[in-house]
Amino acid sequence: MTRDQKIVGVRAASGVTAMVAAIAGIYQLWPANPSLADVSSRLAYALQANAFAVLPLLIGIMTVGNNRFLSEAIDPTLHKEDLGTQINGRVVENTLQQYLLFLIGTLALSVNLTAEQMRAIPAAALVFVVARIAFWIGYRILEDTLLNNCMRSPQCRKHDDCGP
């Protein structure tokens, strides 16, 4: 295993641990809703939580759209995206994948949970949103680090791969 793989593994394990702890904490604080006795009300409740969980995806799509509209990358077939737009696009793609899994998982769970246990759904949605924002920030920090390292490299400056 390479050094980078170890770093990613430790960060991933730390992230999962933090998410589980956050969900458990929010679950304890979130009030139970006794009106969630039947499956249809639990599904509706889960869909409401998922409407909140989709916000990072919506914000990401809007960000990429605005980046494209305000630059030469307005036509995506020309591949004129700057590094920031490319990163935001990758975050949107990953968030869409994660959201689809989250949506399916929470809907499936809501059918099997009791009204008392349904507190896990909004807790998970809240943690999902915070985790996606943290992922996006981390990706942008990585972009800045790579860009700064590239700008210090004579080879990169010579090939103009560093962006503006």
C-alpha atoms as a PDB file:
ATOM      1  CA  MET A   1       0.000   0.000   0.000  1.00  0.00           C
ATOM      2  CA  THR A   2       1.383   3.414  -0.961  1.00  0.00           C
ATOM      3  CA  ARG A   3       1.679   6.350   1.415  1.00  0.00           C
ATOM      4  CA  ASP A   4      -1.186   8.140  -0.380  1.00  0.00           C
ATOM      5  CA  GLN A   5      -3.406   5.054  -0.099  1.00  0.00           C
ATOM      6  CA  LYS A   6      -2.707   4.867   3.632  1.00  0.00           C
ATOM      7  CA  ILE A   7      -3.569   8.545   4.071  1.00  0.00           C
ATOM      8  CA  VAL A   8      -6.827   8.115   2.144  1.00  0.00           C
ATOM      9  CA  GLY A   9      -7.663   4.979   4.136  1.00  0.00           C
ATOM     10  CA  VAL A  10      -7.118   6.696   7.480  1.00  0.00           C
ATOM     11  CA  ARG A  11      -9.138   9.726   6.393  1.00  0.00           C
ATOM     12  CA  ALA A  12     -11.973   7.533   5.111  1.00  0.00           C
ATOM     13  CA  ALA A  13     -12.082   5.511   8.332  1.00  0.00           C
ATOM     14  CA  SER A  14     -12.022   8.722  10.377  1.00  0.00           C
ATOM     15  CA  GLY A  15     -14.835  10.156   8.280  1.00  0.00           C
ATOM     16  CA  VAL A  16     -17.005   7.069   8.653  1.00  0.00           C
ATOM     17  CA  THR A  17     -16.415   7.015  12.405  1.00  0.00           C
ATOM     18  CA  ALA A  18     -17.315  10.697  12.697  1.00  0.00           C
ATOM     19  CA  MET A  19     -20.466  10.207  10.601  1.00  0.00           C
ATOM     20  CA  VAL A  20     -21.649   7.250  12.683  1.00  0.00           C
ATOM     21  CA  ALA A  21     -21.025   9.202  15.889  1.00  0.00           C
ATOM     22  CA  ALA A  22     -22.834  12.267  14.508  1.00  0.00           C
ATOM     23  CA  ILE A  23     -25.844  10.222  13.402  1.00  0.00           C
ATOM     24  CA  ALA A  24     -25.994   8.524  16.813  1.00  0.00           C
ATOM     25  CA  GLY A  25     -25.828  11.886  18.599  1.00  0.00           C
ATOM     26  CA  ILE A  26     -28.457  13.548  16.424  1.00  0.00           C
ATOM     27  CA  TYR A  27     -30.658  10.456  16.726  1.00  0.00           C
ATOM     28  CA  GLN A  28     -30.677  10.878  20.505  1.00  0.00           C
ATOM     29  CA  LEU A  29     -31.596  14.568  20.240  1.00  0.00           C
ATOM     30  CA  TRP A  30     -34.154  14.338  17.418  1.00  0.00           C
ATOM     31  CA  PRO A  31     -37.748  14.077  18.691  1.00  0.00           C
ATOM     32  CA  ALA A  32     -39.699  10.948  17.834  1.00  0.00           C
ATOM     33  CA  ASN A  33     -42.757  11.355  15.643  1.00  0.00           C
ATOM     34  CA  PRO A  34     -45.512   8.969  16.782  1.00  0.00           C
ATOM     35  CA  SER A  35     -47.635   9.764  13.716  1.00  0.00           C
ATOM     36  CA  LEU A  36     -45.303   7.656  11.550  1.00  0.00           C
ATOM     37  CA  ALA A  37     -47.193   4.459  12.278  1.00  0.00           C
ATOM     38  CA  ASP A  38     -47.904   3.349   8.706  1.00  0.00           C
ATOM     39  CA  VAL A  39     -45.532   2.695   5.798  1.00  0.00           C
ATOM     40  CA  SER A  40     -46.869   5.496   3.606  1.00  0.00           C
ATOM     41  CA  SER A  41     -46.259   8.147   6.265  1.00  0.00           C
ATOM     42  CA  ARG A  42     -42.741   6.818   6.885  1.00  0.00           C
ATOM     43  CA  LEU A  43     -41.992   6.898   3.140  1.00  0.00           C
ATOM     44  CA  ALA A  44     -43.286  10.476   2.926  1.00  0.00           C
ATOM     45  CA  TYR A  45     -41.133  11.433   5.923  1.00  0.00           C
ATOM     46  CA  ALA A  46     -38.069   9.856   4.282  1.00  0.00           C
ATOM     47  CA  LEU A  47     -38.791  11.729   1.036  1.00  0.00           C
ATOM     48  CA  GLN A  48     -38.927  15.002   2.969  1.00  0.00           C
ATOM     49  CA  ALA A  49     -35.525  14.243   4.481  1.00  0.00           C
ATOM     50  CA  ASN A  50     -34.220  13.398   1.018  1.00  0.00           C
ATOM     51  CA  ALA A  51     -35.501  16.732  -0.303  1.00  0.00           C
ATOM     52  CA  PHE A  52     -33.113  18.327   2.194  1.00  0.00           C
ATOM     53  CA  ALA A  53     -30.298  15.884   1.379  1.00  0.00           C
ATOM     54  CA  VAL A  54     -30.390  16.823  -2.312  1.00  0.00           C
ATOM     55  CA  LEU A  55     -29.341  20.426  -1.556  1.00  0.00           C
ATOM     56  CA  PRO A  56     -25.573  19.843  -2.035  1.00  0.00           C
ATOM     57  CA  LEU A  57     -26.298  18.363  -5.470  1.00  0.00           C
ATOM     58  CA  LEU A  58     -28.516  21.300  -6.424  1.00  0.00           C
ATOM     59  CA  ILE A  59     -25.931  23.829  -5.230  1.00  0.00           C
ATOM     60  CA  GLY A  60     -23.171  21.962  -7.087  1.00  0.00           C
ATOM     61  CA  ILE A  61     -25.139  21.905 -10.347  1.00  0.00           C
ATOM     62  CA  MET A  62     -25.856  25.613  -9.999  1.00  0.00           C
ATOM     63  CA  THR A  63     -22.172  26.305  -9.322  1.00  0.00           C
ATOM     64  CA  VAL A  64     -21.000  24.387 -12.394  1.00  0.00           C
ATOM     65  CA  GLY A  65     -23.705  26.025 -14.503  1.00  0.00           C
ATOM     66  CA  ASN A  66     -22.661  29.491 -13.367  1.00  0.00           C
ATOM     67  CA  ASN A  67     -18.959  28.651 -13.895  1.00  0.00           C
ATOM     68  CA  ARG A  68     -19.726  27.588 -17.452  1.00  0.00           C
ATOM     69  CA  PHE A  69     -22.027  30.523 -18.200  1.00  0.00           C
ATOM     70  CA  LEU A  70     -19.477  33.080 -17.014  1.00  0.00           C
ATOM     71  CA  SER A  71     -16.490  31.627 -18.876  1.00  0.00           C
ATOM     72  CA  GLU A  72     -15.344  30.241 -22.211  1.00  0.00           C
ATOM     73  CA  ALA A  73     -16.578  26.849 -21.001  1.00  0.00           C
ATOM     74  CA  ILE A  74     -20.180  27.755 -21.828  1.00  0.00           C
ATOM     75  CA  ASP A  75     -19.998  25.086 -24.553  1.00  0.00           C
ATOM     76  CA  PRO A  76     -18.917  21.911 -22.700  1.00  0.00           C
ATOM     77  CA  THR A  77     -17.967  20.172 -25.964  1.00  0.00           C
ATOM     78  CA  LEU A  78     -15.005  22.555 -26.356  1.00  0.00           C
ATOM     79  CA  HIS A  79     -13.366  21.385 -23.091  1.00  0.00           C
ATOM     80  CA  LYS A  80     -12.380  24.903 -21.976  1.00  0.00           C
ATOM     81  CA  GLU A  81     -13.186  24.372 -18.292  1.00  0.00           C
ATOM     82  CA  ASP A  82     -10.686  25.723 -15.808  1.00  0.00           C
ATOM     83  CA  LEU A  83      -9.456  23.447 -13.027  1.00  0.00           C
ATOM     84  CA  GLY A  84     -12.051  24.775 -10.574  1.00  0.00           C
ATOM     85  CA  THR A  85     -14.940  23.961 -12.908  1.00  0.00           C
ATOM     86  CA  GLN A  86     -13.515  20.501 -13.540  1.00  0.00           C
ATOM     87  CA  ILE A  87     -13.246  19.880  -9.786  1.00  0.00           C
ATOM     88  CA  ASN A  88     -16.788  21.145  -9.199  1.00  0.00           C
ATOM     89  CA  GLY A  89     -18.019  18.877 -11.992  1.00  0.00           C
ATOM     90  CA  ARG A  90     -16.353  15.869 -10.371  1.00  0.00           C
ATOM     91  CA  VAL A  91     -17.900  16.775  -7.034  1.00  0.00           C
ATOM     92  CA  VAL A  92     -21.329  16.996  -8.697  1.00  0.00           C
ATOM     93  CA  GLU A  93     -20.875  13.590 -10.350  1.00  0.00           C
ATOM     94  CA  ASN A  94     -19.791  12.005  -7.060  1.00  0.00           C
ATOM     95  CA  THR A  95     -22.581  13.723  -5.126  1.00  0.00           C
ATOM     96  CA  LEU A  96     -25.149  12.423  -7.611  1.00  0.00           C
ATOM     97  CA  GLN A  97     -23.843   8.888  -7.153  1.00  0.00           C
ATOM     98  CA  GLN A  98     -23.823   9.228  -3.364  1.00  0.00           C
ATOM     99  CA  TYR A  99     -27.276  10.809  -3.308  1.00  0.00           C
ATOM    100  CA  LEU A 100     -28.805   8.030  -5.391  1.00  0.00           C
ATOM    101  CA  LEU A 101     -27.460   5.442  -2.948  1.00  0.00           C
ATOM    102  CA  PHE A 102     -28.614   7.558  -0.002  1.00  0.00           C
ATOM    103  CA  LEU A 103     -32.103   7.949  -1.467  1.00  0.00           C
ATOM    104  CA  ILE A 104     -32.519   4.231  -2.090  1.00  0.00           C
ATOM    105  CA  GLY A 105     -31.106   3.355   1.327  1.00  0.00           C
ATOM    106  CA  THR A 106     -33.278   5.757   3.299  1.00  0.00           C
ATOM    107  CA  LEU A 107     -36.440   4.774   1.438  1.00  0.00           C
ATOM    108  CA  ALA A 108     -35.699   1.086   2.002  1.00  0.00           C
ATOM    109  CA  LEU A 109     -34.953   1.718   5.671  1.00  0.00           C
ATOM    110  CA  SER A 110     -38.103   3.770   6.195  1.00  0.00           C
ATOM    111  CA  VAL A 111     -40.274   0.798   5.237  1.00  0.00           C
ATOM    112  CA  ASN A 112     -38.687  -1.339   7.955  1.00  0.00           C
ATOM    113  CA  LEU A 113     -38.132   1.138  10.787  1.00  0.00           C
ATOM    114  CA  THR A 114     -40.576   1.810  13.598  1.00  0.00           C
ATOM    115  CA  ALA A 115     -41.916   5.308  14.213  1.00  0.00           C
ATOM    116  CA  GLU A 116     -39.393   5.669  17.052  1.00  0.00           C
ATOM    117  CA  GLN A 117     -36.485   4.535  14.864  1.00  0.00           C
ATOM    118  CA  MET A 118     -37.385   6.952  12.051  1.00  0.00           C
ATOM    119  CA  ARG A 119     -35.282   9.568  13.852  1.00  0.00           C
ATOM    120  CA  ALA A 120     -32.348   7.933  12.056  1.00  0.00           C
ATOM    121  CA  ILE A 121     -33.574   9.249   8.693  1.00  0.00           C
ATOM    122  CA  PRO A 122     -33.341  13.013   9.373  1.00  0.00           C
ATOM    123  CA  ALA A 123     -30.156  12.421  11.367  1.00  0.00           C
ATOM    124  CA  ALA A 124     -28.600  10.666   8.381  1.00  0.00           C
ATOM    125  CA  ALA A 125     -29.846  13.391   6.005  1.00  0.00           C
ATOM    126  CA  LEU A 126     -28.278  16.117   8.111  1.00  0.00           C
ATOM    127  CA  VAL A 127     -24.975  14.265   8.325  1.00  0.00           C
ATOM    128  CA  PHE A 128     -25.117  13.530   4.572  1.00  0.00           C
ATOM    129  CA  VAL A 129     -25.408  17.251   3.769  1.00  0.00           C
ATOM    130  CA  VAL A 130     -22.571  18.209   6.128  1.00  0.00           C
ATOM    131  CA  ALA A 131     -20.372  15.385   4.794  1.00  0.00           C
ATOM    132  CA  ARG A 132     -20.953  16.388   1.160  1.00  0.00           C
ATOM    133  CA  ILE A 133     -20.040  19.996   1.965  1.00  0.00           C
ATOM    134  CA  ALA A 134     -16.897  18.813   3.778  1.00  0.00           C
ATOM    135  CA  PHE A 135     -16.022  16.616   0.783  1.00  0.00           C
ATOM    136  CA  TRP A 136     -16.404  19.569  -1.577  1.00  0.00           C
ATOM    137  CA  ILE A 137     -14.275  21.831   0.612  1.00  0.00           C
ATOM    138  CA  GLY A 138     -11.625  19.122   0.902  1.00  0.00           C
ATOM    139  CA  TYR A 139     -11.572  18.640  -2.854  1.00  0.00           C
ATOM    140  CA  ARG A 140     -11.143  22.394  -3.395  1.00  0.00           C
ATOM    141  CA  ILE A 141      -8.321  22.523  -0.814  1.00  0.00           C
ATOM    142  CA  LEU A 142      -6.637  19.664  -2.685  1.00  0.00           C
ATOM    143  CA  GLU A 143      -7.055  21.625  -5.930  1.00  0.00           C
ATOM    144  CA  ASP A 144      -5.402  24.697  -4.386  1.00  0.00           C
ATOM    145  CA  THR A 145      -2.539  22.557  -3.045  1.00  0.00           C
ATOM    146  CA  LEU A 146      -1.974  20.917  -6.425  1.00  0.00           C
ATOM    147  CA  LEU A 147      -2.171  24.254  -8.218  1.00  0.00           C
ATOM    148  CA  ASN A 148       0.315  25.876  -5.838  1.00  0.00           C
ATOM    149  CA  ASN A 149       2.729  22.936  -6.164  1.00  0.00           C
ATOM    150  CA  CYS A 150       2.373  23.042  -9.924  1.00  0.00           C
ATOM    151  CA  MET A 151       3.046  26.779 -10.087  1.00  0.00           C
ATOM    152  CA  ARG A 152       6.309  26.239  -8.192  1.00  0.00           C
ATOM    153  CA  SER A 153       7.430  23.593 -10.657  1.00  0.00           C
ATOM    154  CA  PRO A 154       9.431  24.906 -13.644  1.00  0.00           C
ATOM    155  CA  GLN A 155       8.228  21.981 -15.792  1.00  0.00           C
ATOM    156  CA  CYS A 156       4.573  22.772 -15.148  1.00  0.00           C
ATOM    157  CA  ARG A 157       4.993  26.506 -15.811  1.00  0.00           C
ATOM    158  CA  LYS A 158       6.769  25.692 -19.042  1.00  0.00           C
ATOM    159  CA  HIS A 159       3.826  23.601 -20.277  1.00  0.00           C
ATOM    160  CA  ASP A 160       1.193  26.060 -18.996  1.00  0.00           C
ATOM    161  CA  ASP A 161      -0.681  23.250 -17.205  1.00  0.00           C
ATOM    162  CA  CYS A 162      -1.253  25.292 -14.062  1.00  0.00           C
ATOM    163  CA  GLY A 163      -4.176  27.334 -15.288  1.00  0.00           C
ATOM    164  CA  PRO A 164      -4.253  31.129 -15.170  1.00  0.00           C
END
